Structure formats: C-alpha cells, structure tokens
Amino acid sequence: MKGDRVEIAVDIGNGVQIYEIEASKAGRRVEVSTSRGIVEVSEVTRTGQTVRTGRFMSARVIALVEYPAEDQGTSGGRPRKPSGQRSLL
C-alpha cells in the first residue's frame, strides 16, 4: 500500500547507515524476506513484479523497522457519509 515503508539500520564498520525503502505508488507494497544470511527488502507491484530491491548481510543488520501506511479513516474503500446527512437507501 502506498506509504508503507521499511527502515534498515546497517553496521558499516565505523558507524551505522540507515536505508529506507518505501512503496512509492498506489497498489505497491514492501516485502521483507530472509534467506541464507541475506535480508532482502523489495518494493513490489500488484502483479508481483519487483520495482527495486535492497539486499543486506544479516550479520550486519542492526535493526529492521516496518512502518505501515497511515490509515485514511475509511474502511473497505467506501467513502464515509458526512455527519448530519441521511442515507438515500
């Protein structure tokens, strides 16, 4: 979902470098996977095509923080009716 983002803090030897990957357009999401000592963070489209990827050695990753998109106050994609108005149904 647009607005989802992941921050990765990585030890670079003489300090810490912070990387951020964000779902930049509507319909995209951020996926995190770990395998064989590699942490992979990818921005993925609805169809599953990878847009961009960050790969990090898991031994160097200090922290990985996922931030979900801010809730817009609507549920199910339907707009909320303004208060004080009656429904036509």
Protein backbone atom coordinates (compact mmCIF):
# COMPACT_ATOMS: atom_id res chain seq x y z
CA MET A 1 0.00 0.00 0.00
CA LYS A 2 1.31 3.47 -0.82
CA GLY A 3 3.05 4.86 2.23
CA ASP A 4 4.29 1.52 3.60
CA ARG A 5 7.98 1.79 4.36
CA VAL A 6 10.81 -0.16 5.92
CA GLU A 7 13.90 1.31 7.60
CA ILE A 8 17.04 -0.81 7.84
CA ALA A 9 19.93 0.12 10.15
CA VAL A 10 23.20 -1.48 8.97
CA ASP A 11 26.60 -1.58 10.70
CA ILE A 12 29.18 -0.17 8.25
CA GLY A 13 32.24 -0.67 10.46
CA ASN A 14 32.75 2.84 11.79
CA GLY A 15 29.10 3.73 12.33
CA VAL A 16 25.54 2.96 11.33
CA GLN A 17 23.94 3.65 7.94
CA ILE A 18 20.14 3.85 7.69
CA TYR A 19 18.37 2.85 4.49
CA GLU A 20 14.69 3.34 3.72
CA ILE A 21 12.52 1.61 1.12
CA GLU A 22 9.01 2.95 0.60
CA ALA A 23 6.01 1.90 -1.51
CA SER A 24 6.01 4.97 -3.75
CA LYS A 25 2.80 4.48 -5.75
CA ALA A 26 -0.71 3.22 -5.09
CA GLY A 27 -1.01 -0.56 -5.30
CA ARG A 28 2.61 -1.23 -4.40
CA ARG A 29 3.77 -2.93 -1.24
CA VAL A 30 7.03 -3.59 0.59
CA GLU A 31 8.08 -7.19 1.26
CA VAL A 32 10.85 -8.43 3.57
CA SER A 33 12.48 -11.85 3.19
CA THR A 34 15.43 -13.52 4.87
CA SER A 35 17.38 -16.45 3.46
CA ARG A 36 20.95 -17.76 3.54
CA GLY A 37 22.29 -14.86 5.57
CA ILE A 38 20.77 -12.15 3.36
CA VAL A 39 17.92 -9.79 4.26
CA GLU A 40 16.09 -8.60 1.15
CA VAL A 41 13.63 -5.69 1.17
CA SER A 42 11.67 -5.19 -2.07
CA GLU A 43 9.06 -2.80 -3.41
CA VAL A 44 6.58 -4.95 -5.37
CA THR A 45 3.69 -4.09 -7.71
CA ARG A 46 0.23 -5.66 -7.56
CA THR A 47 1.26 -8.25 -10.15
CA GLY A 48 4.33 -9.28 -8.16
CA GLN A 49 6.95 -7.55 -10.30
CA THR A 50 9.85 -6.18 -8.27
CA VAL A 51 10.46 -2.46 -8.73
CA ARG A 52 13.52 -2.08 -6.51
CA THR A 53 15.37 -4.19 -4.00
CA GLY A 54 17.81 -3.69 -1.17
CA ARG A 55 19.98 -6.63 -0.04
CA PHE A 56 21.89 -6.64 3.22
CA MET A 57 24.05 -9.19 5.05
CA SER A 58 22.02 -10.31 8.05
CA ALA A 59 25.14 -10.28 10.25
CA ARG A 60 25.40 -6.50 9.60
CA VAL A 61 21.72 -5.62 10.09
CA ILE A 62 21.21 -3.95 13.45
CA ALA A 63 17.50 -3.16 13.16
CA LEU A 64 14.70 -3.55 10.65
CA VAL A 65 11.57 -1.48 11.33
CA GLU A 66 8.36 -1.75 9.31
CA TYR A 67 6.02 1.25 9.22
CA PRO A 68 2.51 0.60 7.84
CA ALA A 69 0.78 3.33 5.85
CA GLU A 70 -1.27 5.82 7.81
CA ASP A 71 -4.95 4.87 7.98
CA GLN A 72 -7.08 7.29 5.97
CA GLY A 73 -10.13 6.74 8.19
CA THR A 74 -12.09 4.75 5.62
CA SER A 75 -12.81 1.06 5.73
CA GLY A 76 -13.45 -1.09 2.70
CA GLY A 77 -12.69 1.71 0.26
CA ARG A 78 -16.15 3.29 0.60
CA PRO A 79 -16.24 6.98 1.47
CA ARG A 80 -17.85 7.85 4.77
CA LYS A 81 -21.05 9.85 4.63
CA PRO A 82 -20.86 13.30 6.18
CA SER A 83 -22.49 13.58 9.58
CA GLY A 84 -25.91 15.15 9.62
CA GLN A 85 -26.99 13.68 6.29
CA ARG A 86 -29.46 10.87 5.84
CA SER A 87 -28.85 7.89 3.61
CA LEU A 88 -30.92 7.54 0.45
CA LEU A 89 -31.08 3.78 0.88
